[in-house]
Amino acid sequence: MKNRYEGLLVLNQKGNEDTVKDMIERIEGEFEKEGAKIEQVQKMDRRTFSYQAGHLDSGYFVNFIFQAEPTLVDKLRAKFKLDDDVYRQHYQKLRPKKVAKEKKSE
């Protein structure tokens, strides 16, 4: 059974030739290649961190809403941990999407 998830990724733009758009498209392709169904991609722009944790002081935030099998999240986490373009990642399970019920007119 597929669940809904939210994946917040912080992308590393420093020293990268690719544009943000290309990076997001490539990462979206990785989600789909692993079997996730993307519902929405929210580009949240570049933000400065409140404190410098490592070698970066800012990153580009992207939020993915997707449907996937529960085991896929661990697989994605391991895959993006090795990706230099992904600086940080966080996944959260969401409630199922509510389907609007039709009202019966009498």
C-alpha atoms as a PDB file:
ATOM      1  CA  MET A   1       0.000   0.000   0.000  1.00  0.00           C
ATOM      2  CA  LYS A   2       1.334   3.406  -0.972  1.00  0.00           C
ATOM      3  CA  ASN A   3       1.520   6.204   1.584  1.00  0.00           C
ATOM      4  CA  ARG A   4       1.823   9.955   1.058  1.00  0.00           C
ATOM      5  CA  TYR A   5       5.100  11.576   2.060  1.00  0.00           C
ATOM      6  CA  GLU A   6       6.659  14.994   2.148  1.00  0.00           C
ATOM      7  CA  GLY A   7      10.358  15.220   1.366  1.00  0.00           C
ATOM      8  CA  LEU A   8      12.193  18.466   2.122  1.00  0.00           C
ATOM      9  CA  LEU A   9      15.560  18.639   0.386  1.00  0.00           C
ATOM     10  CA  VAL A  10      18.158  21.379   0.762  1.00  0.00           C
ATOM     11  CA  LEU A  11      20.238  21.628  -2.395  1.00  0.00           C
ATOM     12  CA  ASN A  12      23.886  22.668  -2.517  1.00  0.00           C
ATOM     13  CA  GLN A  13      24.423  25.252  -5.254  1.00  0.00           C
ATOM     14  CA  LYS A  14      27.935  26.246  -4.257  1.00  0.00           C
ATOM     15  CA  GLY A  15      30.471  25.519  -7.002  1.00  0.00           C
ATOM     16  CA  ASN A  16      27.840  23.785  -9.119  1.00  0.00           C
ATOM     17  CA  GLU A  17      27.576  24.439 -12.842  1.00  0.00           C
ATOM     18  CA  ASP A  18      23.997  23.153 -13.093  1.00  0.00           C
ATOM     19  CA  THR A  19      21.092  25.491 -12.656  1.00  0.00           C
ATOM     20  CA  VAL A  20      18.605  24.845  -9.864  1.00  0.00           C
ATOM     21  CA  LYS A  21      15.954  23.892 -12.422  1.00  0.00           C
ATOM     22  CA  ASP A  22      18.194  21.158 -13.857  1.00  0.00           C
ATOM     23  CA  MET A  23      19.016  19.860 -10.373  1.00  0.00           C
ATOM     24  CA  ILE A  24      15.327  19.689  -9.397  1.00  0.00           C
ATOM     25  CA  GLU A  25      14.386  17.910 -12.635  1.00  0.00           C
ATOM     26  CA  ARG A  26      17.172  15.351 -12.118  1.00  0.00           C
ATOM     27  CA  ILE A  27      16.118  14.696  -8.505  1.00  0.00           C
ATOM     28  CA  GLU A  28      12.459  14.438  -9.531  1.00  0.00           C
ATOM     29  CA  GLY A  29      13.525  11.849 -12.108  1.00  0.00           C
ATOM     30  CA  GLU A  30      15.309   9.892  -9.366  1.00  0.00           C
ATOM     31  CA  PHE A  31      12.099   9.812  -7.295  1.00  0.00           C
ATOM     32  CA  GLU A  32      10.118   8.519 -10.280  1.00  0.00           C
ATOM     33  CA  LYS A  33      12.813   6.015 -11.288  1.00  0.00           C
ATOM     34  CA  GLU A  34      12.582   4.440  -7.826  1.00  0.00           C
ATOM     35  CA  GLY A  35       8.790   4.134  -8.112  1.00  0.00           C
ATOM     36  CA  ALA A  36       7.478   7.236  -6.348  1.00  0.00           C
ATOM     37  CA  LYS A  37       4.542   9.140  -7.825  1.00  0.00           C
ATOM     38  CA  ILE A  38       5.164  12.895  -7.508  1.00  0.00           C
ATOM     39  CA  GLU A  39       2.066  14.918  -6.619  1.00  0.00           C
ATOM     40  CA  GLN A  40       3.661  18.335  -6.180  1.00  0.00           C
ATOM     41  CA  VAL A  41       7.044  20.068  -6.260  1.00  0.00           C
ATOM     42  CA  GLN A  42       7.320  23.290  -4.235  1.00  0.00           C
ATOM     43  CA  LYS A  43      10.352  25.433  -5.016  1.00  0.00           C
ATOM     44  CA  MET A  44      10.929  27.423  -1.838  1.00  0.00           C
ATOM     45  CA  ASP A  45      13.883  29.535  -3.024  1.00  0.00           C
ATOM     46  CA  ARG A  46      17.359  30.032  -1.591  1.00  0.00           C
ATOM     47  CA  ARG A  47      17.526  30.641   2.156  1.00  0.00           C
ATOM     48  CA  THR A  48      20.340  31.512   4.530  1.00  0.00           C
ATOM     49  CA  PHE A  49      20.796  29.133   7.450  1.00  0.00           C
ATOM     50  CA  SER A  50      20.398  30.507  10.967  1.00  0.00           C
ATOM     51  CA  TYR A  51      23.828  29.117  11.768  1.00  0.00           C
ATOM     52  CA  GLN A  52      26.553  27.644   9.616  1.00  0.00           C
ATOM     53  CA  ALA A  53      26.534  23.866   9.974  1.00  0.00           C
ATOM     54  CA  GLY A  54      29.451  22.700   7.912  1.00  0.00           C
ATOM     55  CA  HIS A  55      30.811  24.342   4.800  1.00  0.00           C
ATOM     56  CA  LEU A  56      27.563  25.985   3.594  1.00  0.00           C
ATOM     57  CA  ASP A  57      25.806  29.106   4.851  1.00  0.00           C
ATOM     58  CA  SER A  58      22.739  28.819   2.574  1.00  0.00           C
ATOM     59  CA  GLY A  59      20.875  26.352   0.380  1.00  0.00           C
ATOM     60  CA  TYR A  60      17.981  26.033  -2.058  1.00  0.00           C
ATOM     61  CA  PHE A  61      14.928  24.441  -0.401  1.00  0.00           C
ATOM     62  CA  VAL A  62      12.638  22.152  -2.421  1.00  0.00           C
ATOM     63  CA  ASN A  63       9.611  20.309  -1.046  1.00  0.00           C
ATOM     64  CA  PHE A  64       8.382  17.133  -2.776  1.00  0.00           C
ATOM     65  CA  ILE A  65       4.932  15.668  -2.051  1.00  0.00           C
ATOM     66  CA  PHE A  66       4.838  12.095  -3.313  1.00  0.00           C
ATOM     67  CA  GLN A  67       3.232   8.672  -2.950  1.00  0.00           C
ATOM     68  CA  ALA A  68       5.427   5.643  -2.388  1.00  0.00           C
ATOM     69  CA  GLU A  69       5.787   2.302  -0.677  1.00  0.00           C
ATOM     70  CA  PRO A  70       7.044   2.610   2.938  1.00  0.00           C
ATOM     71  CA  THR A  71      10.380   0.939   2.109  1.00  0.00           C
ATOM     72  CA  LEU A  72      11.134   3.489  -0.614  1.00  0.00           C
ATOM     73  CA  VAL A  73      11.846   6.330   1.824  1.00  0.00           C
ATOM     74  CA  ASP A  74      14.889   4.534   3.254  1.00  0.00           C
ATOM     75  CA  LYS A  75      16.075   3.782  -0.272  1.00  0.00           C
ATOM     76  CA  LEU A  76      15.759   7.452  -1.287  1.00  0.00           C
ATOM     77  CA  ARG A  77      17.476   8.595   1.907  1.00  0.00           C
ATOM     78  CA  ALA A  78      20.464   6.332   1.179  1.00  0.00           C
ATOM     79  CA  LYS A  79      20.617   7.384  -2.476  1.00  0.00           C
ATOM     80  CA  PHE A  80      20.534  11.129  -1.805  1.00  0.00           C
ATOM     81  CA  LYS A  81      23.040  10.816   1.039  1.00  0.00           C
ATOM     82  CA  LEU A  82      25.602   9.992  -1.656  1.00  0.00           C
ATOM     83  CA  ASP A  83      24.486  12.848  -3.932  1.00  0.00           C
ATOM     84  CA  ASP A  84      26.689  15.961  -3.640  1.00  0.00           C
ATOM     85  CA  ASP A  85      23.824  18.213  -4.805  1.00  0.00           C
ATOM     86  CA  VAL A  86      21.642  17.248  -1.808  1.00  0.00           C
ATOM     87  CA  TYR A  87      22.974  18.912   1.331  1.00  0.00           C
ATOM     88  CA  ARG A  88      20.184  17.904   3.756  1.00  0.00           C
ATOM     89  CA  GLN A  89      16.986  15.848   3.522  1.00  0.00           C
ATOM     90  CA  HIS A  90      13.972  15.202   5.713  1.00  0.00           C
ATOM     91  CA  TYR A  91      10.958  12.944   5.078  1.00  0.00           C
ATOM     92  CA  GLN A  92       7.606  12.903   6.829  1.00  0.00           C
ATOM     93  CA  LYS A  93       4.555  10.705   6.374  1.00  0.00           C
ATOM     94  CA  LEU A  94       1.380  12.637   5.539  1.00  0.00           C
ATOM     95  CA  ARG A  95      -2.264  11.813   6.058  1.00  0.00           C
ATOM     96  CA  PRO A  96      -4.067  10.299   3.077  1.00  0.00           C
ATOM     97  CA  LYS A  97      -5.524  12.843   0.697  1.00  0.00           C
ATOM     98  CA  LYS A  98      -9.181  13.486   1.395  1.00  0.00           C
ATOM     99  CA  VAL A  99     -11.503  12.774  -1.493  1.00  0.00           C
ATOM    100  CA  ALA A 100     -14.474  15.105  -1.762  1.00  0.00           C
ATOM    101  CA  LYS A 101     -17.727  13.214  -1.418  1.00  0.00           C
ATOM    102  CA  GLU A 102     -20.624  14.112  -3.646  1.00  0.00           C
ATOM    103  CA  LYS A 103     -23.698  15.408  -1.841  1.00  0.00           C
ATOM    104  CA  LYS A 104     -26.971  13.811  -2.784  1.00  0.00           C
ATOM    105  CA  SER A 105     -29.644  16.287  -3.703  1.00  0.00           C
ATOM    106  CA  GLU A 106     -33.129  15.301  -2.703  1.00  0.00           C
END
